[in-house]
N, C-alpha and C. Protein backbone atom coordinates (compact mmCIF):
# COMPACT_ATOMS: atom_id res chain seq x y z
N MET A 1 78.88 153.20 -37.89
CA MET A 1 79.15 154.08 -36.78
C MET A 1 79.13 155.53 -37.27
N LYS A 2 78.38 156.37 -36.59
CA LYS A 2 78.33 157.79 -36.94
C LYS A 2 79.30 158.55 -36.07
N TYR A 3 80.13 159.36 -36.72
CA TYR A 3 81.09 160.18 -36.00
C TYR A 3 80.47 161.54 -35.66
N LYS A 4 80.96 162.14 -34.60
CA LYS A 4 80.54 163.48 -34.22
C LYS A 4 81.58 164.47 -34.75
N TYR A 5 81.08 165.58 -35.28
CA TYR A 5 81.93 166.61 -35.86
C TYR A 5 81.65 167.97 -35.20
N ASP A 6 82.70 168.73 -34.98
CA ASP A 6 82.56 170.13 -34.61
C ASP A 6 82.75 170.94 -35.87
N LEU A 7 81.89 171.95 -36.07
CA LEU A 7 81.91 172.77 -37.27
C LEU A 7 82.43 174.16 -36.93
N PHE A 8 83.29 174.69 -37.79
CA PHE A 8 83.91 175.98 -37.54
C PHE A 8 83.80 176.87 -38.77
N GLU A 9 83.71 178.17 -38.52
CA GLU A 9 83.78 179.18 -39.57
C GLU A 9 85.16 179.81 -39.49
N LYS A 10 85.84 179.90 -40.63
CA LYS A 10 87.17 180.51 -40.68
C LYS A 10 87.06 181.85 -41.41
N PHE A 11 87.52 182.90 -40.74
CA PHE A 11 87.41 184.25 -41.27
C PHE A 11 88.66 184.64 -42.06
N PRO A 12 88.55 185.68 -42.88
CA PRO A 12 89.70 186.11 -43.71
C PRO A 12 90.96 186.43 -42.91
N ASP A 13 90.81 186.86 -41.65
CA ASP A 13 91.99 187.17 -40.84
C ASP A 13 92.65 185.92 -40.25
N GLY A 14 92.10 184.73 -40.56
CA GLY A 14 92.67 183.47 -40.09
C GLY A 14 92.07 182.96 -38.80
N SER A 15 91.25 183.76 -38.13
CA SER A 15 90.62 183.31 -36.88
C SER A 15 89.46 182.38 -37.20
N SER A 16 89.10 181.54 -36.24
CA SER A 16 88.01 180.58 -36.41
C SER A 16 87.03 180.71 -35.25
N LEU A 17 85.78 180.37 -35.54
CA LEU A 17 84.73 180.41 -34.53
C LEU A 17 83.91 179.13 -34.62
N TRP A 18 83.73 178.46 -33.47
CA TRP A 18 82.89 177.25 -33.42
C TRP A 18 81.47 177.63 -33.76
N ARG A 19 80.82 176.83 -34.61
CA ARG A 19 79.46 177.12 -35.03
C ARG A 19 78.45 176.06 -34.62
N ASP A 20 78.86 174.79 -34.55
CA ASP A 20 77.88 173.73 -34.26
C ASP A 20 78.61 172.42 -34.00
N SER A 21 77.88 171.48 -33.48
CA SER A 21 78.36 170.11 -33.29
C SER A 21 77.26 169.20 -33.79
N VAL A 22 77.60 168.29 -34.72
CA VAL A 22 76.59 167.43 -35.33
C VAL A 22 77.07 165.99 -35.39
N LEU A 23 76.13 165.09 -35.60
CA LEU A 23 76.42 163.66 -35.66
C LEU A 23 76.23 163.14 -37.08
N GLY A 24 77.24 162.50 -37.64
CA GLY A 24 77.15 161.87 -38.95
C GLY A 24 77.69 162.73 -40.08
N PHE A 25 78.28 162.06 -41.06
CA PHE A 25 78.91 162.73 -42.19
C PHE A 25 77.90 163.51 -43.02
N GLU A 26 76.79 162.89 -43.36
CA GLU A 26 75.80 163.55 -44.20
C GLU A 26 75.17 164.76 -43.49
N THR A 27 74.89 164.62 -42.21
CA THR A 27 74.36 165.75 -41.44
C THR A 27 75.38 166.88 -41.39
N THR A 28 76.65 166.52 -41.24
CA THR A 28 77.73 167.51 -41.23
C THR A 28 77.76 168.27 -42.55
N ARG A 29 77.71 167.54 -43.65
CA ARG A 29 77.74 168.15 -44.97
C ARG A 29 76.55 169.10 -45.15
N MET A 30 75.37 168.67 -44.77
CA MET A 30 74.18 169.50 -44.94
C MET A 30 74.23 170.76 -44.06
N ARG A 31 74.69 170.60 -42.84
CA ARG A 31 74.77 171.76 -41.93
C ARG A 31 75.81 172.78 -42.43
N LEU A 32 76.95 172.28 -42.92
CA LEU A 32 77.96 173.18 -43.46
C LEU A 32 77.45 173.90 -44.70
N LEU A 33 76.68 173.21 -45.50
CA LEU A 33 76.09 173.84 -46.68
C LEU A 33 75.15 174.97 -46.26
N GLU A 34 74.35 174.73 -45.23
CA GLU A 34 73.45 175.76 -44.70
C GLU A 34 74.25 176.98 -44.23
N LEU A 35 75.30 176.72 -43.47
CA LEU A 35 76.13 177.82 -42.96
C LEU A 35 76.80 178.59 -44.09
N ALA A 36 77.28 177.87 -45.10
CA ALA A 36 77.98 178.50 -46.23
C ALA A 36 77.05 179.39 -47.04
N GLN A 37 75.77 179.09 -47.04
CA GLN A 37 74.81 179.91 -47.78
C GLN A 37 74.55 181.24 -47.08
N LYS A 38 74.91 181.33 -45.79
CA LYS A 38 74.66 182.54 -45.01
C LYS A 38 75.91 183.40 -44.83
N SER A 39 77.07 182.89 -45.25
CA SER A 39 78.32 183.60 -45.03
C SER A 39 79.29 183.33 -46.16
N LYS A 40 80.16 184.29 -46.44
CA LYS A 40 81.18 184.11 -47.47
C LYS A 40 82.47 183.55 -46.90
N SER A 41 82.48 183.31 -45.60
CA SER A 41 83.67 182.74 -44.94
C SER A 41 83.83 181.28 -45.34
N GLN A 42 84.99 180.73 -45.03
CA GLN A 42 85.24 179.31 -45.25
C GLN A 42 84.74 178.53 -44.03
N PHE A 43 84.43 177.26 -44.24
CA PHE A 43 83.97 176.40 -43.15
C PHE A 43 84.75 175.10 -43.17
N TYR A 44 84.90 174.50 -42.00
CA TYR A 44 85.53 173.19 -41.92
C TYR A 44 84.95 172.43 -40.74
N ALA A 45 85.18 171.12 -40.76
CA ALA A 45 84.67 170.24 -39.71
C ALA A 45 85.84 169.42 -39.16
N ILE A 46 85.77 169.13 -37.87
CA ILE A 46 86.76 168.28 -37.23
C ILE A 46 86.05 167.06 -36.67
N ASN A 47 86.52 165.88 -37.09
CA ASN A 47 86.02 164.62 -36.56
C ASN A 47 86.52 164.48 -35.13
N LEU A 48 85.61 164.40 -34.16
CA LEU A 48 86.01 164.40 -32.76
C LEU A 48 86.66 163.10 -32.31
N ILE A 49 86.51 162.03 -33.07
CA ILE A 49 87.16 160.75 -32.72
C ILE A 49 88.55 160.66 -33.32
N THR A 50 88.66 160.95 -34.62
CA THR A 50 89.94 160.78 -35.32
C THR A 50 90.79 162.04 -35.35
N GLY A 51 90.16 163.21 -35.14
CA GLY A 51 90.88 164.47 -35.23
C GLY A 51 91.06 164.96 -36.66
N GLU A 52 90.54 164.22 -37.62
CA GLU A 52 90.67 164.59 -39.03
C GLU A 52 89.92 165.89 -39.30
N VAL A 53 90.57 166.79 -40.03
CA VAL A 53 89.98 168.07 -40.41
C VAL A 53 89.51 167.97 -41.85
N LEU A 54 88.25 168.33 -42.07
CA LEU A 54 87.68 168.30 -43.41
C LEU A 54 87.36 169.73 -43.85
N ALA A 55 88.05 170.20 -44.88
CA ALA A 55 87.76 171.53 -45.43
C ALA A 55 86.51 171.42 -46.28
N PHE A 56 85.62 172.38 -46.18
CA PHE A 56 84.34 172.34 -46.88
C PHE A 56 84.32 173.34 -48.02
N ASN A 57 83.96 172.86 -49.21
CA ASN A 57 83.80 173.72 -50.38
C ASN A 57 82.60 173.17 -51.14
N PRO A 58 81.42 173.82 -51.06
CA PRO A 58 80.22 173.29 -51.69
C PRO A 58 80.32 173.16 -53.21
N ALA A 59 81.24 173.88 -53.84
CA ALA A 59 81.40 173.80 -55.30
C ALA A 59 82.34 172.66 -55.71
N LEU A 60 82.97 172.00 -54.75
CA LEU A 60 83.99 171.01 -55.06
C LEU A 60 83.44 169.74 -55.70
N ASP A 61 82.52 169.08 -55.03
CA ASP A 61 81.95 167.84 -55.56
C ASP A 61 80.66 167.55 -54.81
N ALA A 62 80.13 166.35 -55.00
CA ALA A 62 78.87 165.98 -54.38
C ALA A 62 78.93 166.02 -52.86
N HIS A 63 80.09 165.73 -52.29
CA HIS A 63 80.21 165.73 -50.83
C HIS A 63 80.63 167.09 -50.29
N GLY A 64 81.35 167.87 -51.06
CA GLY A 64 81.75 169.20 -50.63
C GLY A 64 82.97 169.24 -49.74
N PHE A 65 83.62 168.10 -49.52
CA PHE A 65 84.77 168.06 -48.63
C PHE A 65 86.05 167.75 -49.38
N ARG A 66 87.16 168.23 -48.82
CA ARG A 66 88.47 167.78 -49.22
C ARG A 66 89.31 167.74 -47.96
N ILE A 67 90.22 166.82 -47.93
CA ILE A 67 91.12 166.71 -46.79
C ILE A 67 92.36 167.52 -47.11
N PRO A 68 92.71 168.52 -46.27
CA PRO A 68 93.90 169.33 -46.55
C PRO A 68 95.14 168.45 -46.67
N SER A 69 95.96 168.74 -47.67
CA SER A 69 97.17 167.96 -47.85
C SER A 69 98.16 168.28 -46.74
N LYS A 70 99.08 167.38 -46.49
CA LYS A 70 100.07 167.58 -45.44
C LYS A 70 100.98 168.76 -45.77
N SER A 71 101.14 169.06 -47.07
CA SER A 71 101.99 170.18 -47.46
C SER A 71 101.35 171.53 -47.11
N GLU A 72 100.02 171.56 -46.93
CA GLU A 72 99.37 172.80 -46.54
C GLU A 72 99.66 173.13 -45.10
N GLY A 73 99.92 172.11 -44.30
CA GLY A 73 100.24 172.31 -42.89
C GLY A 73 99.05 172.87 -42.14
N ARG A 74 98.94 172.49 -40.89
CA ARG A 74 97.87 173.00 -40.05
C ARG A 74 98.47 173.54 -38.78
N SER A 75 98.21 174.77 -38.50
CA SER A 75 98.67 175.33 -37.24
C SER A 75 97.56 175.18 -36.22
N LYS A 76 97.89 175.43 -34.97
CA LYS A 76 96.89 175.32 -33.92
C LYS A 76 95.75 176.30 -34.14
N SER A 77 95.99 177.40 -34.83
CA SER A 77 94.95 178.39 -35.07
C SER A 77 93.88 177.85 -36.03
N HIS A 78 94.24 176.89 -36.88
CA HIS A 78 93.26 176.31 -37.79
C HIS A 78 92.31 175.41 -37.04
N ALA A 79 92.73 174.81 -35.97
CA ALA A 79 91.89 173.84 -35.28
C ALA A 79 91.13 174.48 -34.12
N ALA A 80 91.39 175.72 -33.82
CA ALA A 80 90.70 176.35 -32.68
C ALA A 80 89.85 177.50 -33.13
């Protein structure tokens, strides 16, 4: 089953802007990599079924994702 993800750009001031909606984990990873090459901002994806937020860092590993720990906390501003 392929999940649908919404992709967001997070700016230094903490605000976020929706950038795209894609289907599938690998497509999500590739699209975020494309976006990250054009901007120095941070990017993240939200799984539209589970609500899981995936922080994207292309230097992290082969997948480029990490799941924010619960201690980092997520405010509503991170998801919008």
